[in-house]
Amino acid sequence: MDKPRFLALWGRCKTDTGVDDGDLVYDCVLDNYSEASRHYHTPLHIEHCLRQFDAARAEMADPDAVELALWFHDVIYETDVNAGENERASAELFSRCAGDQFDTGFRDRVYRLIMVTTHSESPRTLDEAFMVDIDLSSFGLPWAAFSSDSEDVRAEFPQHSDNVFYAKQRVFMQSLLHRDNFCFTEFFRARHEAQAKENISRHLGMISERLSA
């Protein structure tokens, strides 16, 4: 991950510029994303998200908040926790790192932007909509890349049988497919909507075959 980019972002978002802790925060973030148990939620996922962010940042109300949330949104990733716990732990880690060096309103916005990646409810603001679309933008990649990502996600759950893993994944993917639109922003709808729905439908067919085998 681009360390100078992170340090520049961290530095310009702080209100207390007397504390120079950017290097320590970056090292913590990188160490977490580099855990051996990760296969999809790695630095490559963050790099992909940042490329999508760069394409859309001019459309956002507070792009620095969205970018900082993207850096932190999967920084904690455990595969044996309840839904939403990883996102909350990631948001809380951000809050601890930010401390009182950040404006309270800004810190709270970043926290909420991280939490929206639970995908448990619709985004309430435009920036939250961009956060959701960017986090799920890999669904709109060409089939080969999407399929490879899917296998990487599966590899992060070696403790689960195929029946358990794919049954849960089917529920999540069906929830995405049954939304009025896969993407919440017009920007990403034009870029990814059709491919994402095609990928999900095709993957759901494969899941059904595996569960019935």
N, C-alpha and C. Protein backbone atom coordinates (compact mmCIF):
# COMPACT_ATOMS: atom_id res chain seq x y z
N MET A 1 0.85 -1.19 0.00
CA MET A 1 0.00 0.00 0.00
C MET A 1 0.89 1.24 0.00
N ASP A 2 0.38 2.31 -0.56
CA ASP A 2 1.14 3.53 -0.80
C ASP A 2 1.32 4.30 0.51
N LYS A 3 2.49 4.13 1.13
CA LYS A 3 2.74 4.78 2.42
C LYS A 3 2.75 6.30 2.32
N PRO A 4 3.46 6.91 1.36
CA PRO A 4 3.41 8.37 1.28
C PRO A 4 1.99 8.91 1.13
N ARG A 5 1.16 8.20 0.37
CA ARG A 5 -0.23 8.63 0.22
C ARG A 5 -0.95 8.60 1.57
N PHE A 6 -0.78 7.52 2.33
CA PHE A 6 -1.44 7.44 3.62
C PHE A 6 -0.94 8.53 4.56
N LEU A 7 0.37 8.75 4.61
CA LEU A 7 0.92 9.75 5.52
C LEU A 7 0.41 11.15 5.17
N ALA A 8 0.30 11.44 3.88
CA ALA A 8 -0.22 12.75 3.47
C ALA A 8 -1.67 12.91 3.90
N LEU A 9 -2.46 11.85 3.71
CA LEU A 9 -3.87 11.89 4.10
C LEU A 9 -4.00 12.05 5.61
N TRP A 10 -3.31 11.23 6.36
CA TRP A 10 -3.38 11.28 7.82
C TRP A 10 -2.97 12.66 8.33
N GLY A 11 -1.92 13.20 7.74
CA GLY A 11 -1.42 14.49 8.20
C GLY A 11 -2.39 15.63 7.93
N ARG A 12 -3.02 15.64 6.76
CA ARG A 12 -3.90 16.77 6.46
C ARG A 12 -5.26 16.66 7.14
N CYS A 13 -5.61 15.48 7.63
CA CYS A 13 -6.89 15.31 8.32
C CYS A 13 -6.81 15.67 9.79
N LYS A 14 -5.63 15.71 10.36
CA LYS A 14 -5.47 16.00 11.78
C LYS A 14 -5.65 17.49 12.06
N THR A 15 -6.21 17.78 13.22
CA THR A 15 -6.24 19.17 13.69
C THR A 15 -5.05 19.45 14.59
N ASP A 16 -4.53 18.41 15.24
CA ASP A 16 -3.33 18.54 16.06
C ASP A 16 -2.15 18.04 15.24
N THR A 17 -1.47 18.97 14.60
CA THR A 17 -0.35 18.59 13.72
C THR A 17 0.96 18.44 14.49
N GLY A 18 0.91 18.61 15.80
CA GLY A 18 2.12 18.49 16.59
C GLY A 18 2.51 17.05 16.88
N VAL A 19 1.56 16.14 16.72
CA VAL A 19 1.82 14.72 16.99
C VAL A 19 2.10 14.03 15.66
N ASP A 20 3.30 13.48 15.51
CA ASP A 20 3.69 12.85 14.25
C ASP A 20 3.66 11.32 14.43
N ASP A 21 2.46 10.75 14.33
CA ASP A 21 2.30 9.32 14.56
C ASP A 21 1.89 8.57 13.30
N GLY A 22 1.94 9.23 12.15
CA GLY A 22 1.48 8.62 10.91
C GLY A 22 2.20 7.33 10.58
N ASP A 23 3.51 7.29 10.82
CA ASP A 23 4.28 6.07 10.52
C ASP A 23 3.78 4.89 11.35
N LEU A 24 3.53 5.13 12.63
CA LEU A 24 3.07 4.05 13.51
C LEU A 24 1.69 3.56 13.09
N VAL A 25 0.82 4.49 12.74
CA VAL A 25 -0.53 4.11 12.32
C VAL A 25 -0.47 3.32 11.02
N TYR A 26 0.32 3.79 10.07
CA TYR A 26 0.45 3.07 8.80
C TYR A 26 0.97 1.66 9.02
N ASP A 27 2.00 1.51 9.87
CA ASP A 27 2.56 0.19 10.12
C ASP A 27 1.51 -0.74 10.73
N CYS A 28 0.68 -0.21 11.62
CA CYS A 28 -0.39 -1.02 12.22
C CYS A 28 -1.39 -1.47 11.16
N VAL A 29 -1.78 -0.55 10.30
CA VAL A 29 -2.73 -0.87 9.23
C VAL A 29 -2.15 -1.92 8.30
N LEU A 30 -0.91 -1.71 7.86
CA LEU A 30 -0.29 -2.65 6.93
C LEU A 30 -0.11 -4.02 7.55
N ASP A 31 0.31 -4.07 8.81
CA ASP A 31 0.50 -5.36 9.48
C ASP A 31 -0.81 -6.15 9.52
N ASN A 32 -1.89 -5.46 9.81
CA ASN A 32 -3.18 -6.16 9.89
C ASN A 32 -3.61 -6.70 8.53
N TYR A 33 -3.49 -5.88 7.49
CA TYR A 33 -3.89 -6.35 6.17
C TYR A 33 -2.96 -7.43 5.62
N SER A 34 -1.79 -7.56 6.22
CA SER A 34 -0.81 -8.54 5.73
C SER A 34 -0.83 -9.84 6.52
N GLU A 35 -1.82 -10.04 7.38
CA GLU A 35 -1.91 -11.26 8.16
C GLU A 35 -1.96 -12.49 7.25
N ALA A 36 -1.30 -13.55 7.68
CA ALA A 36 -1.18 -14.75 6.85
C ALA A 36 -2.53 -15.39 6.56
N SER A 37 -3.50 -15.19 7.41
CA SER A 37 -4.82 -15.81 7.23
C SER A 37 -5.65 -15.14 6.15
N ARG A 38 -5.21 -14.01 5.68
CA ARG A 38 -5.98 -13.25 4.68
C ARG A 38 -5.60 -13.67 3.27
N HIS A 39 -6.61 -13.70 2.41
CA HIS A 39 -6.38 -14.02 1.00
C HIS A 39 -7.04 -13.00 0.08
N TYR A 40 -8.18 -12.48 0.50
CA TYR A 40 -8.86 -11.43 -0.26
C TYR A 40 -8.74 -10.07 0.42
N HIS A 41 -8.95 -10.03 1.73
CA HIS A 41 -8.93 -8.75 2.47
C HIS A 41 -7.50 -8.37 2.82
N THR A 42 -6.73 -8.14 1.80
CA THR A 42 -5.30 -7.88 1.87
C THR A 42 -5.00 -6.46 1.38
N PRO A 43 -3.73 -6.06 1.36
CA PRO A 43 -3.41 -4.76 0.77
C PRO A 43 -3.92 -4.61 -0.66
N LEU A 44 -4.02 -5.71 -1.41
CA LEU A 44 -4.52 -5.61 -2.78
C LEU A 44 -5.97 -5.12 -2.82
N HIS A 45 -6.77 -5.52 -1.83
CA HIS A 45 -8.16 -5.05 -1.78
C HIS A 45 -8.19 -3.54 -1.54
N ILE A 46 -7.34 -3.05 -0.65
CA ILE A 46 -7.30 -1.61 -0.38
C ILE A 46 -6.82 -0.86 -1.61
N GLU A 47 -5.82 -1.40 -2.29
CA GLU A 47 -5.33 -0.73 -3.51
C GLU A 47 -6.41 -0.67 -4.57
N HIS A 48 -7.18 -1.76 -4.70
CA HIS A 48 -8.29 -1.75 -5.65
C HIS A 48 -9.31 -0.68 -5.26
N CYS A 49 -9.66 -0.62 -3.98
CA CYS A 49 -10.64 0.37 -3.51
C CYS A 49 -10.15 1.79 -3.77
N LEU A 50 -8.87 2.03 -3.55
CA LEU A 50 -8.34 3.38 -3.75
C LEU A 50 -8.35 3.77 -5.22
N ARG A 51 -8.16 2.82 -6.12
CA ARG A 51 -8.27 3.14 -7.55
C ARG A 51 -9.70 3.53 -7.90
N GLN A 52 -10.65 2.83 -7.34
CA GLN A 52 -12.05 3.19 -7.57
C GLN A 52 -12.36 4.55 -6.95
N PHE A 53 -11.84 4.78 -5.78
CA PHE A 53 -12.02 6.07 -5.11
C PHE A 53 -11.47 7.21 -5.95
N ASP A 54 -10.27 7.02 -6.49
CA ASP A 54 -9.65 8.08 -7.29
C ASP A 54 -10.51 8.45 -8.48
N ALA A 55 -11.18 7.47 -9.05
CA ALA A 55 -12.02 7.75 -10.21
C ALA A 55 -13.25 8.57 -9.85
N ALA A 56 -13.70 8.46 -8.59
CA ALA A 56 -14.98 9.06 -8.20
C ALA A 56 -14.85 10.21 -7.20
N ARG A 57 -13.65 10.53 -6.74
CA ARG A 57 -13.51 11.44 -5.62
C ARG A 57 -14.13 12.81 -5.87
N ALA A 58 -14.13 13.28 -7.12
CA ALA A 58 -14.69 14.59 -7.42
C ALA A 58 -16.19 14.66 -7.16
N GLU A 59 -16.84 13.49 -7.06
CA GLU A 59 -18.29 13.44 -6.85
C GLU A 59 -18.65 13.46 -5.35
N MET A 60 -17.67 13.38 -4.46
CA MET A 60 -17.93 13.18 -3.03
C MET A 60 -17.97 14.50 -2.27
N ALA A 61 -18.72 14.50 -1.17
CA ALA A 61 -18.81 15.68 -0.32
C ALA A 61 -17.57 15.84 0.54
N ASP A 62 -17.06 14.72 1.09
CA ASP A 62 -15.89 14.75 1.96
C ASP A 62 -14.96 13.60 1.56
N PRO A 63 -14.23 13.78 0.46
CA PRO A 63 -13.41 12.67 -0.03
C PRO A 63 -12.34 12.20 0.95
N ASP A 64 -11.79 13.11 1.77
CA ASP A 64 -10.78 12.66 2.73
C ASP A 64 -11.38 11.68 3.75
N ALA A 65 -12.60 11.93 4.18
CA ALA A 65 -13.25 11.02 5.12
C ALA A 65 -13.49 9.67 4.47
N VAL A 66 -13.94 9.67 3.23
CA VAL A 66 -14.17 8.41 2.52
C VAL A 66 -12.86 7.66 2.34
N GLU A 67 -11.81 8.36 1.94
CA GLU A 67 -10.54 7.67 1.72
C GLU A 67 -10.00 7.08 3.02
N LEU A 68 -10.07 7.83 4.10
CA LEU A 68 -9.55 7.31 5.36
C LEU A 68 -10.37 6.10 5.82
N ALA A 69 -11.69 6.16 5.60
CA ALA A 69 -12.53 5.01 5.93
C ALA A 69 -12.16 3.79 5.10
N LEU A 70 -11.81 4.00 3.85
CA LEU A 70 -11.41 2.87 3.00
C LEU A 70 -10.13 2.22 3.52
N TRP A 71 -9.19 3.01 3.97
CA TRP A 71 -7.95 2.45 4.52
C TRP A 71 -8.24 1.56 5.72
N PHE A 72 -9.24 1.92 6.53
CA PHE A 72 -9.48 1.23 7.80
C PHE A 72 -10.61 0.21 7.75
N HIS A 73 -11.41 0.16 6.68
CA HIS A 73 -12.69 -0.53 6.79
C HIS A 73 -12.57 -2.04 7.02
N ASP A 74 -11.47 -2.67 6.62
CA ASP A 74 -11.27 -4.11 6.87
C ASP A 74 -10.00 -4.36 7.68
N VAL A 75 -9.55 -3.35 8.42
CA VAL A 75 -8.27 -3.49 9.11
C VAL A 75 -8.34 -4.59 10.17
N ILE A 76 -9.52 -4.83 10.75
CA ILE A 76 -9.75 -5.98 11.63
C ILE A 76 -10.61 -6.96 10.85
N TYR A 77 -10.15 -8.19 10.73
CA TYR A 77 -10.91 -9.18 9.95
C TYR A 77 -10.72 -10.56 10.56
N GLU A 78 -11.69 -10.96 11.35
CA GLU A 78 -11.73 -12.29 11.96
C GLU A 78 -12.91 -13.05 11.36
N THR A 79 -12.74 -14.33 11.10
CA THR A 79 -13.78 -15.08 10.39
C THR A 79 -14.71 -15.86 11.31
N ASP A 80 -14.53 -15.72 12.61
CA ASP A 80 -15.42 -16.42 13.54
C ASP A 80 -16.08 -15.44 14.50
N VAL A 81 -16.60 -14.35 13.93
CA VAL A 81 -17.31 -13.36 14.75
C VAL A 81 -18.68 -13.12 14.14
N ASN A 82 -19.54 -12.48 14.90
CA ASN A 82 -20.88 -12.17 14.41
C ASN A 82 -20.84 -11.06 13.38
N ALA A 83 -21.88 -11.00 12.58
CA ALA A 83 -21.96 -9.98 11.54
C ALA A 83 -21.83 -8.59 12.14
N GLY A 84 -21.00 -7.79 11.51
CA GLY A 84 -20.82 -6.41 11.94
C GLY A 84 -19.72 -6.19 12.95
N GLU A 85 -19.24 -7.27 13.57
CA GLU A 85 -18.22 -7.10 14.61
C GLU A 85 -16.88 -6.65 14.04
N ASN A 86 -16.50 -7.18 12.88
CA ASN A 86 -15.24 -6.75 12.27
C ASN A 86 -15.27 -5.26 11.92
N GLU A 87 -16.39 -4.82 11.36
CA GLU A 87 -16.50 -3.42 10.98
C GLU A 87 -16.45 -2.52 12.22
N ARG A 88 -17.14 -2.93 13.27
CA ARG A 88 -17.12 -2.13 14.50
C ARG A 88 -15.71 -2.10 15.11
N ALA A 89 -15.05 -3.25 15.11
CA ALA A 89 -13.68 -3.29 15.64
C ALA A 89 -12.75 -2.43 14.79
N SER A 90 -12.95 -2.43 13.48
CA SER A 90 -12.13 -1.60 12.59
C SER A 90 -12.39 -0.12 12.85
N ALA A 91 -13.67 0.23 13.01
CA ALA A 91 -14.03 1.63 13.27
C ALA A 91 -13.47 2.08 14.62
N GLU A 92 -13.50 1.20 15.60
CA GLU A 92 -13.00 1.56 16.91
C GLU A 92 -11.48 1.68 16.91
N LEU A 93 -10.81 0.85 16.12
CA LEU A 93 -9.36 0.99 15.99
C LEU A 93 -9.02 2.34 15.37
N PHE A 94 -9.77 2.73 14.33
CA PHE A 94 -9.56 4.05 13.76
C PHE A 94 -9.73 5.13 14.82
N SER A 95 -10.80 5.04 15.61
CA SER A 95 -11.06 6.07 16.63
C SER A 95 -9.93 6.14 17.63
N ARG A 96 -9.39 4.99 18.03
CA ARG A 96 -8.27 5.00 18.98
C ARG A 96 -7.03 5.63 18.36
N CYS A 97 -6.78 5.33 17.09
CA CYS A 97 -5.63 5.92 16.41
C CYS A 97 -5.80 7.43 16.25
N ALA A 98 -7.03 7.85 15.95
CA ALA A 98 -7.31 9.27 15.74
C ALA A 98 -7.23 10.04 17.05
N GLY A 99 -7.74 9.44 18.12
CA GLY A 99 -7.72 10.09 19.41
C GLY A 99 -8.33 11.47 19.35
N ASP A 100 -7.71 12.43 20.03
CA ASP A 100 -8.20 13.80 20.01
C ASP A 100 -7.44 14.67 19.01
N GLN A 101 -6.71 14.00 18.09
CA GLN A 101 -5.98 14.74 17.07
C GLN A 101 -6.87 15.15 15.91
N PHE A 102 -8.09 14.58 15.84
CA PHE A 102 -9.00 14.83 14.74
C PHE A 102 -10.23 15.60 15.25
N ASP A 103 -10.79 16.42 14.39
CA ASP A 103 -12.05 17.05 14.68
C ASP A 103 -13.10 15.98 14.98
N THR A 104 -13.90 16.20 16.02
CA THR A 104 -14.86 15.19 16.44
C THR A 104 -15.85 14.84 15.33
N GLY A 105 -16.35 15.85 14.63
CA GLY A 105 -17.30 15.60 13.55
C GLY A 105 -16.69 14.77 12.44
N PHE A 106 -15.45 15.07 12.07
CA PHE A 106 -14.76 14.31 11.03
C PHE A 106 -14.54 12.87 11.48
N ARG A 107 -14.09 12.71 12.71
CA ARG A 107 -13.83 11.36 13.23
C ARG A 107 -15.11 10.53 13.23
N ASP A 108 -16.22 11.16 13.61
CA ASP A 108 -17.50 10.45 13.64
C ASP A 108 -17.95 10.07 12.23
N ARG A 109 -17.69 10.94 11.24
CA ARG A 109 -18.07 10.61 9.85
C ARG A 109 -17.28 9.41 9.36
N VAL A 110 -16.00 9.38 9.64
CA VAL A 110 -15.19 8.23 9.21
C VAL A 110 -15.69 6.96 9.88
N TYR A 111 -16.02 7.05 11.16
CA TYR A 111 -16.55 5.89 11.89
C TYR A 111 -17.80 5.36 11.20
N ARG A 112 -18.74 6.25 10.87
CA ARG A 112 -19.99 5.83 10.23
C ARG A 112 -19.73 5.26 8.84
N LEU A 113 -18.77 5.83 8.12
CA LEU A 113 -18.45 5.33 6.78
C LEU A 113 -17.88 3.91 6.85
N ILE A 114 -17.08 3.63 7.86
CA ILE A 114 -16.59 2.26 8.04
C ILE A 114 -17.76 1.33 8.36
N MET A 115 -18.64 1.76 9.23
CA MET A 115 -19.76 0.90 9.66
C MET A 115 -20.73 0.60 8.53
N VAL A 116 -20.84 1.46 7.54
CA VAL A 116 -21.79 1.21 6.45
C VAL A 116 -21.36 0.02 5.61
N THR A 117 -20.09 -0.40 5.74
CA THR A 117 -19.63 -1.57 4.98
C THR A 117 -20.07 -2.88 5.61
N THR A 118 -20.90 -2.84 6.66
CA THR A 118 -21.58 -4.06 7.09
C THR A 118 -22.62 -4.48 6.06
N HIS A 119 -23.05 -3.53 5.22
CA HIS A 119 -24.05 -3.78 4.17
C HIS A 119 -25.35 -4.31 4.75
N SER A 120 -25.65 -3.91 5.97
CA SER A 120 -26.87 -4.36 6.63
C SER A 120 -28.04 -3.40 6.42
N GLU A 121 -27.75 -2.19 5.96
CA GLU A 121 -28.81 -1.23 5.68
C GLU A 121 -28.34 -0.29 4.58
N SER A 122 -29.29 0.40 3.98
CA SER A 122 -28.96 1.28 2.87
C SER A 122 -28.21 2.51 3.37
N PRO A 123 -27.28 3.02 2.57
CA PRO A 123 -26.57 4.24 2.96
C PRO A 123 -27.51 5.42 3.06
N ARG A 124 -27.17 6.35 3.97
CA ARG A 124 -28.03 7.51 4.20
C ARG A 124 -27.52 8.77 3.52
N THR A 125 -26.24 8.81 3.17
CA THR A 125 -25.66 9.99 2.55
C THR A 125 -24.97 9.58 1.25
N LEU A 126 -24.66 10.57 0.43
CA LEU A 126 -23.98 10.28 -0.83
C LEU A 126 -22.62 9.64 -0.57
N ASP A 127 -21.87 10.15 0.40
CA ASP A 127 -20.56 9.57 0.67
C ASP A 127 -20.68 8.14 1.19
N GLU A 128 -21.70 7.85 1.97
CA GLU A 128 -21.92 6.46 2.39
C GLU A 128 -22.24 5.58 1.20
N ALA A 129 -23.00 6.12 0.25
CA ALA A 129 -23.31 5.36 -0.97
C ALA A 129 -22.04 5.06 -1.76
N PHE A 130 -21.16 6.04 -1.86
CA PHE A 130 -19.89 5.79 -2.54
C PHE A 130 -19.05 4.76 -1.79
N MET A 131 -19.07 4.81 -0.48
CA MET A 131 -18.31 3.86 0.33
C MET A 131 -18.77 2.44 0.05
N VAL A 132 -20.08 2.22 0.02
CA VAL A 132 -20.63 0.90 -0.25
C VAL A 132 -20.28 0.44 -1.65
N ASP A 133 -20.46 1.33 -2.62
CA ASP A 133 -20.18 0.95 -4.01
C ASP A 133 -18.71 0.62 -4.23
N ILE A 134 -17.83 1.36 -3.59
CA ILE A 134 -16.40 1.09 -3.75
C ILE A 134 -16.03 -0.23 -3.08
N ASP A 135 -16.56 -0.47 -1.89
CA ASP A 135 -16.24 -1.72 -1.19
C ASP A 135 -16.66 -2.94 -1.99
N LEU A 136 -17.79 -2.84 -2.71
CA LEU A 136 -18.31 -3.97 -3.48
C LEU A 136 -17.97 -3.88 -4.97
N SER A 137 -17.09 -2.97 -5.33
CA SER A 137 -16.83 -2.76 -6.76
C SER A 137 -16.17 -3.95 -7.43
N SER A 138 -15.53 -4.83 -6.66
CA SER A 138 -14.91 -6.01 -7.27
C SER A 138 -15.96 -6.96 -7.83
N PHE A 139 -17.22 -6.84 -7.40
CA PHE A 139 -18.29 -7.64 -7.99
C PHE A 139 -18.48 -7.29 -9.45
N GLY A 140 -18.07 -6.09 -9.85
CA GLY A 140 -18.24 -5.66 -11.22
C GLY A 140 -17.02 -5.87 -12.10
N LEU A 141 -16.04 -6.64 -11.61
CA LEU A 141 -14.88 -6.97 -12.43
C LEU A 141 -15.26 -8.02 -13.48
N PRO A 142 -14.45 -8.18 -14.51
CA PRO A 142 -14.69 -9.29 -15.44
C PRO A 142 -14.76 -10.62 -14.70
N TRP A 143 -15.49 -11.58 -15.28
CA TRP A 143 -15.78 -12.83 -14.59
C TRP A 143 -14.54 -13.51 -14.03
N ALA A 144 -13.46 -13.58 -14.78
CA ALA A 144 -12.27 -14.30 -14.32
C ALA A 144 -11.73 -13.67 -13.03
N ALA A 145 -11.68 -12.35 -12.97
CA ALA A 145 -11.19 -11.67 -11.77
C ALA A 145 -12.17 -11.85 -10.62
N PHE A 146 -13.45 -11.73 -10.89
CA PHE A 146 -14.47 -11.94 -9.86
C PHE A 146 -14.38 -13.36 -9.30
N SER A 147 -14.23 -14.33 -10.16
CA SER A 147 -14.16 -15.72 -9.73
C SER A 147 -12.93 -15.96 -8.87
N SER A 148 -11.80 -15.37 -9.26
CA SER A 148 -10.57 -15.49 -8.47
C SER A 148 -10.75 -14.87 -7.10
N ASP A 149 -11.38 -13.71 -7.05
CA ASP A 149 -11.65 -13.07 -5.75
C ASP A 149 -12.54 -13.96 -4.88
N SER A 150 -13.52 -14.58 -5.50
CA SER A 150 -14.43 -15.45 -4.75
C SER A 150 -13.69 -16.62 -4.12
N GLU A 151 -12.74 -17.19 -4.85
CA GLU A 151 -11.95 -18.28 -4.31
C GLU A 151 -11.07 -17.80 -3.16
N ASP A 152 -10.57 -16.56 -3.27
CA ASP A 152 -9.75 -16.00 -2.18
C ASP A 152 -10.58 -15.79 -0.93
N VAL A 153 -11.82 -15.34 -1.09
CA VAL A 153 -12.70 -15.20 0.06
C VAL A 153 -12.96 -16.57 0.70
N ARG A 154 -13.20 -17.57 -0.13
CA ARG A 154 -13.43 -18.93 0.40
C ARG A 154 -12.23 -19.40 1.21
N ALA A 155 -11.03 -19.07 0.76
CA ALA A 155 -9.81 -19.53 1.44
C ALA A 155 -9.66 -18.90 2.82
N GLU A 156 -10.37 -17.83 3.09
CA GLU A 156 -10.28 -17.19 4.41
C GLU A 156 -11.14 -17.90 5.46
N PHE A 157 -11.90 -18.91 5.03
CA PHE A 157 -12.78 -19.65 5.95
C PHE A 157 -12.48 -21.14 5.91
N PRO A 158 -11.24 -21.55 6.16
CA PRO A 158 -10.91 -22.98 6.06
C PRO A 158 -11.62 -23.82 7.12
N GLN A 159 -12.07 -23.19 8.19
CA GLN A 159 -12.75 -23.92 9.27
C GLN A 159 -14.19 -24.26 8.92
N HIS A 160 -14.72 -23.71 7.83
CA HIS A 160 -16.10 -23.94 7.45
C HIS A 160 -16.20 -24.95 6.31
N SER A 161 -17.15 -25.84 6.40
CA SER A 161 -17.41 -26.75 5.29
C SER A 161 -17.98 -25.97 4.12
N ASP A 162 -17.94 -26.56 2.92
CA ASP A 162 -18.54 -25.91 1.76
C ASP A 162 -20.02 -25.64 1.99
N ASN A 163 -20.72 -26.58 2.60
CA ASN A 163 -22.15 -26.40 2.84
C ASN A 163 -22.43 -25.18 3.71
N VAL A 164 -21.65 -25.03 4.77
CA VAL A 164 -21.85 -23.89 5.67
C VAL A 164 -21.45 -22.60 4.98
N PHE A 165 -20.28 -22.57 4.36
CA PHE A 165 -19.80 -21.34 3.74
C PHE A 165 -20.71 -20.87 2.62
N TYR A 166 -21.03 -21.78 1.69
CA TYR A 166 -21.79 -21.36 0.51
C TYR A 166 -23.25 -21.07 0.84
N ALA A 167 -23.78 -21.70 1.86
CA ALA A 167 -25.15 -21.37 2.27
C ALA A 167 -25.22 -19.92 2.77
N LYS A 168 -24.22 -19.51 3.57
CA LYS A 168 -24.19 -18.13 4.05
C LYS A 168 -23.91 -17.16 2.92
N GLN A 169 -23.00 -17.54 2.03
CA GLN A 169 -22.68 -16.65 0.91
C GLN A 169 -23.88 -16.47 -0.01
N ARG A 170 -24.66 -17.53 -0.20
CA ARG A 170 -25.84 -17.43 -1.05
C ARG A 170 -26.84 -16.42 -0.49
N VAL A 171 -27.04 -16.44 0.80
CA VAL A 171 -27.97 -15.48 1.42
C VAL A 171 -27.50 -14.05 1.17
N PHE A 172 -26.20 -13.81 1.37
CA PHE A 172 -25.67 -12.45 1.17
C PHE A 172 -25.79 -12.02 -0.29
N MET A 173 -25.40 -12.89 -1.20
CA MET A 173 -25.44 -12.52 -2.61
C MET A 173 -26.86 -12.33 -3.12
N GLN A 174 -27.78 -13.14 -2.63
CA GLN A 174 -29.18 -12.95 -3.02
C GLN A 174 -29.70 -11.61 -2.53
N SER A 175 -29.25 -11.19 -1.36
CA SER A 175 -29.68 -9.88 -0.84
C SER A 175 -29.16 -8.76 -1.73
N LEU A 176 -27.97 -8.92 -2.28
CA LEU A 176 -27.42 -7.91 -3.19
C LEU A 176 -28.18 -7.90 -4.51
N LEU A 177 -28.49 -9.07 -4.99
CA LEU A 177 -29.14 -9.18 -6.30
C LEU A 177 -30.58 -8.67 -6.24
N HIS A 178 -31.22 -8.77 -5.10
CA HIS A 178 -32.62 -8.40 -4.97
C HIS A 178 -32.83 -6.93 -4.65
N ARG A 179 -31.73 -6.18 -4.49
CA ARG A 179 -31.88 -4.74 -4.32
C ARG A 179 -32.39 -4.12 -5.61
N ASP A 180 -33.04 -2.97 -5.50
CA ASP A 180 -33.50 -2.28 -6.71
C ASP A 180 -32.34 -2.04 -7.66
N ASN A 181 -31.21 -1.63 -7.11
CA ASN A 181 -29.98 -1.47 -7.87
C ASN A 181 -28.83 -2.04 -7.06
N PHE A 182 -27.89 -2.68 -7.74
CA PHE A 182 -26.71 -3.18 -7.03
C PHE A 182 -25.89 -2.00 -6.52
N CYS A 183 -25.69 -0.99 -7.37
CA CYS A 183 -24.92 0.19 -6.99
C CYS A 183 -25.86 1.30 -6.52
N PHE A 184 -25.44 2.04 -5.52
CA PHE A 184 -26.25 3.12 -4.97
C PHE A 184 -25.98 4.46 -5.64
N THR A 185 -24.86 4.60 -6.34
CA THR A 185 -24.54 5.87 -7.00
C THR A 185 -24.65 5.70 -8.51
N GLU A 186 -25.06 6.76 -9.17
CA GLU A 186 -25.14 6.73 -10.63
C GLU A 186 -23.76 6.50 -11.23
N PHE A 187 -22.74 7.05 -10.59
CA PHE A 187 -21.37 6.92 -11.10
C PHE A 187 -20.99 5.45 -11.25
N PHE A 188 -21.17 4.67 -10.19
CA PHE A 188 -20.76 3.27 -10.25
C PHE A 188 -21.81 2.39 -10.92
N ARG A 189 -23.04 2.85 -10.94
CA ARG A 189 -24.08 2.10 -11.66
C ARG A 189 -23.72 1.99 -13.13
N ALA A 190 -23.23 3.09 -13.67
CA ALA A 190 -22.85 3.09 -15.08
C ALA A 190 -21.62 2.22 -15.33
N ARG A 191 -20.75 2.10 -14.34
CA ARG A 191 -19.50 1.36 -14.52
C ARG A 191 -19.64 -0.13 -14.24
N HIS A 192 -20.43 -0.50 -13.22
CA HIS A 192 -20.37 -1.86 -12.71
C HIS A 192 -21.69 -2.62 -12.64
N GLU A 193 -22.82 -1.93 -12.74
CA GLU A 193 -24.10 -2.56 -12.43
C GLU A 193 -24.35 -3.84 -13.23
N ALA A 194 -24.25 -3.74 -14.55
CA ALA A 194 -24.59 -4.89 -15.40
C ALA A 194 -23.66 -6.07 -15.14
N GLN A 195 -22.35 -5.81 -15.08
CA GLN A 195 -21.38 -6.89 -14.87
C GLN A 195 -21.55 -7.51 -13.48
N ALA A 196 -21.81 -6.69 -12.48
CA ALA A 196 -21.98 -7.21 -11.12
C ALA A 196 -23.18 -8.15 -11.04
N LYS A 197 -24.30 -7.75 -11.61
CA LYS A 197 -25.48 -8.61 -11.58
C LYS A 197 -25.25 -9.90 -12.35
N GLU A 198 -24.55 -9.81 -13.48
CA GLU A 198 -24.25 -11.02 -14.25
C GLU A 198 -23.35 -11.95 -13.45
N ASN A 199 -22.32 -11.39 -12.80
CA ASN A 199 -21.41 -12.20 -11.99
C ASN A 199 -22.14 -12.88 -10.83
N ILE A 200 -22.98 -12.12 -10.14
CA ILE A 200 -23.68 -12.67 -8.99
C ILE A 200 -24.63 -13.79 -9.42
N SER A 201 -25.37 -13.55 -10.48
CA SER A 201 -26.30 -14.58 -10.97
C SER A 201 -25.54 -15.85 -11.35
N ARG A 202 -24.44 -15.70 -12.04
CA ARG A 202 -23.64 -16.86 -12.46
C ARG A 202 -23.07 -17.58 -11.24
N HIS A 203 -22.59 -16.81 -10.27
CA HIS A 203 -22.00 -17.41 -9.07
C HIS A 203 -23.06 -18.12 -8.24
N LEU A 204 -24.23 -17.54 -8.15
CA LEU A 204 -25.31 -18.19 -7.42
C LEU A 204 -25.69 -19.54 -8.05
N GLY A 205 -25.63 -19.60 -9.38
CA GLY A 205 -25.89 -20.87 -10.05
C GLY A 205 -24.84 -21.90 -9.66
N MET A 206 -23.58 -21.49 -9.59
CA MET A 206 -22.52 -22.41 -9.19
C MET A 206 -22.68 -22.85 -7.75
N ILE A 207 -23.08 -21.91 -6.87
CA ILE A 207 -23.31 -22.27 -5.48
C ILE A 207 -24.41 -23.31 -5.35
N SER A 208 -25.49 -23.12 -6.10
CA SER A 208 -26.60 -24.08 -6.06
C SER A 208 -26.14 -25.47 -6.48
N GLU A 209 -25.29 -25.52 -7.49
CA GLU A 209 -24.76 -26.81 -7.94
C GLU A 209 -23.91 -27.47 -6.84
N ARG A 210 -23.09 -26.67 -6.17
CA ARG A 210 -22.24 -27.23 -5.11
C ARG A 210 -23.07 -27.71 -3.94
N LEU A 211 -24.11 -26.98 -3.57
CA LEU A 211 -24.91 -27.36 -2.41
C LEU A 211 -25.79 -28.57 -2.68
N SER A 212 -26.10 -28.79 -3.98
CA SER A 212 -26.95 -29.92 -4.32
C SER A 212 -26.15 -31.16 -4.69
N ALA A 213 -24.83 -31.01 -4.77
CA ALA A 213 -23.99 -32.16 -5.18
C ALA A 213 -23.94 -33.23 -4.09
